[in-house]
Amino acid sequence: MNGLRETVESLLAAGLKPRSIAVENLAGVPFSAFEGIIREYDLSVCLDIGHWLRSFEDPFEFISNWA
């Protein structure tokens, strides 16, 4: 996650607002792995339906946690 944290910090230092940065779910990677960084920096999230279909994660859990 250090790479993600460094990228987010670089984007914020460049002047982007946190909510203009969206973290997308990836097939094979539990979205919970990103939760700490998303909440820490108040980032936006994106549910990629194709990735979700390949991951077999519960879409209702995702929506209830992030909507």
C-alpha atoms as a PDB file:
ATOM      1  CA  MET A   1       0.000   0.000   0.000  1.00  0.00           C
ATOM      2  CA  ASN A   2       2.990   2.330   0.247  1.00  0.00           C
ATOM      3  CA  GLY A   3       2.859   2.940  -3.495  1.00  0.00           C
ATOM      4  CA  LEU A   4      -0.787   3.955  -3.284  1.00  0.00           C
ATOM      5  CA  ARG A   5      -0.127   6.201  -0.300  1.00  0.00           C
ATOM      6  CA  GLU A   6       2.782   7.908  -2.095  1.00  0.00           C
ATOM      7  CA  THR A   7       0.669   8.413  -5.213  1.00  0.00           C
ATOM      8  CA  VAL A   8      -2.220   9.907  -3.231  1.00  0.00           C
ATOM      9  CA  GLU A   9       0.112  12.214  -1.339  1.00  0.00           C
ATOM     10  CA  SER A  10       1.717  13.363  -4.617  1.00  0.00           C
ATOM     11  CA  LEU A  11      -1.678  14.102  -6.154  1.00  0.00           C
ATOM     12  CA  LEU A  12      -2.798  16.025  -3.079  1.00  0.00           C
ATOM     13  CA  ALA A  13       0.471  17.974  -2.988  1.00  0.00           C
ATOM     14  CA  ALA A  14      -0.151  18.905  -6.633  1.00  0.00           C
ATOM     15  CA  GLY A  15      -3.433  20.513  -5.583  1.00  0.00           C
ATOM     16  CA  LEU A  16      -6.058  17.866  -6.326  1.00  0.00           C
ATOM     17  CA  LYS A  17      -8.931  17.700  -3.889  1.00  0.00           C
ATOM     18  CA  PRO A  18      -9.270  14.337  -2.098  1.00  0.00           C
ATOM     19  CA  ARG A  19     -12.788  13.668  -3.417  1.00  0.00           C
ATOM     20  CA  SER A  20     -11.549  14.086  -6.997  1.00  0.00           C
ATOM     21  CA  ILE A  21      -9.381  10.967  -6.556  1.00  0.00           C
ATOM     22  CA  ALA A  22     -11.320   7.700  -6.924  1.00  0.00           C
ATOM     23  CA  VAL A  23     -10.072   4.289  -5.843  1.00  0.00           C
ATOM     24  CA  GLU A  24     -11.440   1.484  -8.012  1.00  0.00           C
ATOM     25  CA  ASN A  25     -11.976  -2.126  -7.016  1.00  0.00           C
ATOM     26  CA  LEU A  26      -9.697  -4.624  -8.743  1.00  0.00           C
ATOM     27  CA  ALA A  27     -10.388  -8.264  -9.582  1.00  0.00           C
ATOM     28  CA  GLY A  28      -8.539 -10.525  -7.188  1.00  0.00           C
ATOM     29  CA  VAL A  29      -7.766  -7.782  -4.657  1.00  0.00           C
ATOM     30  CA  PRO A  30     -10.120  -7.374  -1.681  1.00  0.00           C
ATOM     31  CA  PHE A  31     -11.359  -3.799  -1.601  1.00  0.00           C
ATOM     32  CA  SER A  32     -10.934  -3.816   2.160  1.00  0.00           C
ATOM     33  CA  ALA A  33      -7.177  -3.589   1.513  1.00  0.00           C
ATOM     34  CA  PHE A  34      -7.743   0.038   0.441  1.00  0.00           C
ATOM     35  CA  GLU A  35     -10.204   1.032   3.164  1.00  0.00           C
ATOM     36  CA  GLY A  36      -7.690   2.655   5.506  1.00  0.00           C
ATOM     37  CA  ILE A  37      -6.217   4.925   2.839  1.00  0.00           C
ATOM     38  CA  ILE A  38      -9.654   5.817   1.453  1.00  0.00           C
ATOM     39  CA  ARG A  39     -10.930   6.850   4.881  1.00  0.00           C
ATOM     40  CA  GLU A  40      -7.676   8.533   5.946  1.00  0.00           C
ATOM     41  CA  TYR A  41      -7.624  10.837   2.916  1.00  0.00           C
ATOM     42  CA  ASP A  42     -11.433  10.993   2.345  1.00  0.00           C
ATOM     43  CA  LEU A  43     -11.095   9.682  -1.221  1.00  0.00           C
ATOM     44  CA  SER A  44     -13.910   8.721  -3.577  1.00  0.00           C
ATOM     45  CA  VAL A  45     -14.571   5.135  -4.615  1.00  0.00           C
ATOM     46  CA  CYS A  46     -15.576   3.501  -7.887  1.00  0.00           C
ATOM     47  CA  LEU A  47     -17.290   0.123  -8.270  1.00  0.00           C
ATOM     48  CA  ASP A  48     -16.073  -1.448 -11.507  1.00  0.00           C
ATOM     49  CA  ILE A  49     -18.809  -3.944 -12.387  1.00  0.00           C
ATOM     50  CA  GLY A  50     -16.522  -6.073 -14.591  1.00  0.00           C
ATOM     51  CA  HIS A  51     -13.952  -6.402 -11.827  1.00  0.00           C
ATOM     52  CA  TRP A  52     -16.687  -7.119  -9.307  1.00  0.00           C
ATOM     53  CA  LEU A  53     -18.083  -9.930 -11.469  1.00  0.00           C
ATOM     54  CA  ARG A  54     -14.643 -11.544 -11.577  1.00  0.00           C
ATOM     55  CA  SER A  55     -14.033 -11.181  -7.835  1.00  0.00           C
ATOM     56  CA  PHE A  56     -17.321 -12.672  -6.573  1.00  0.00           C
ATOM     57  CA  GLU A  57     -17.461 -10.104  -3.762  1.00  0.00           C
ATOM     58  CA  ASP A  58     -20.840  -9.049  -2.397  1.00  0.00           C
ATOM     59  CA  PRO A  59     -21.974  -5.888  -4.260  1.00  0.00           C
ATOM     60  CA  PHE A  60     -24.513  -5.061  -1.553  1.00  0.00           C
ATOM     61  CA  GLU A  61     -21.788  -5.019   1.089  1.00  0.00           C
ATOM     62  CA  PHE A  62     -19.702  -2.723  -1.129  1.00  0.00           C
ATOM     63  CA  ILE A  63     -22.624  -0.360  -1.696  1.00  0.00           C
ATOM     64  CA  SER A  64     -23.665  -0.292   1.966  1.00  0.00           C
ATOM     65  CA  ASN A  65     -20.075   0.486   3.018  1.00  0.00           C
ATOM     66  CA  TRP A  66     -19.356   3.165   0.406  1.00  0.00           C
ATOM     67  CA  ALA A  67     -22.596   4.728  -0.858  1.00  0.00           C
END
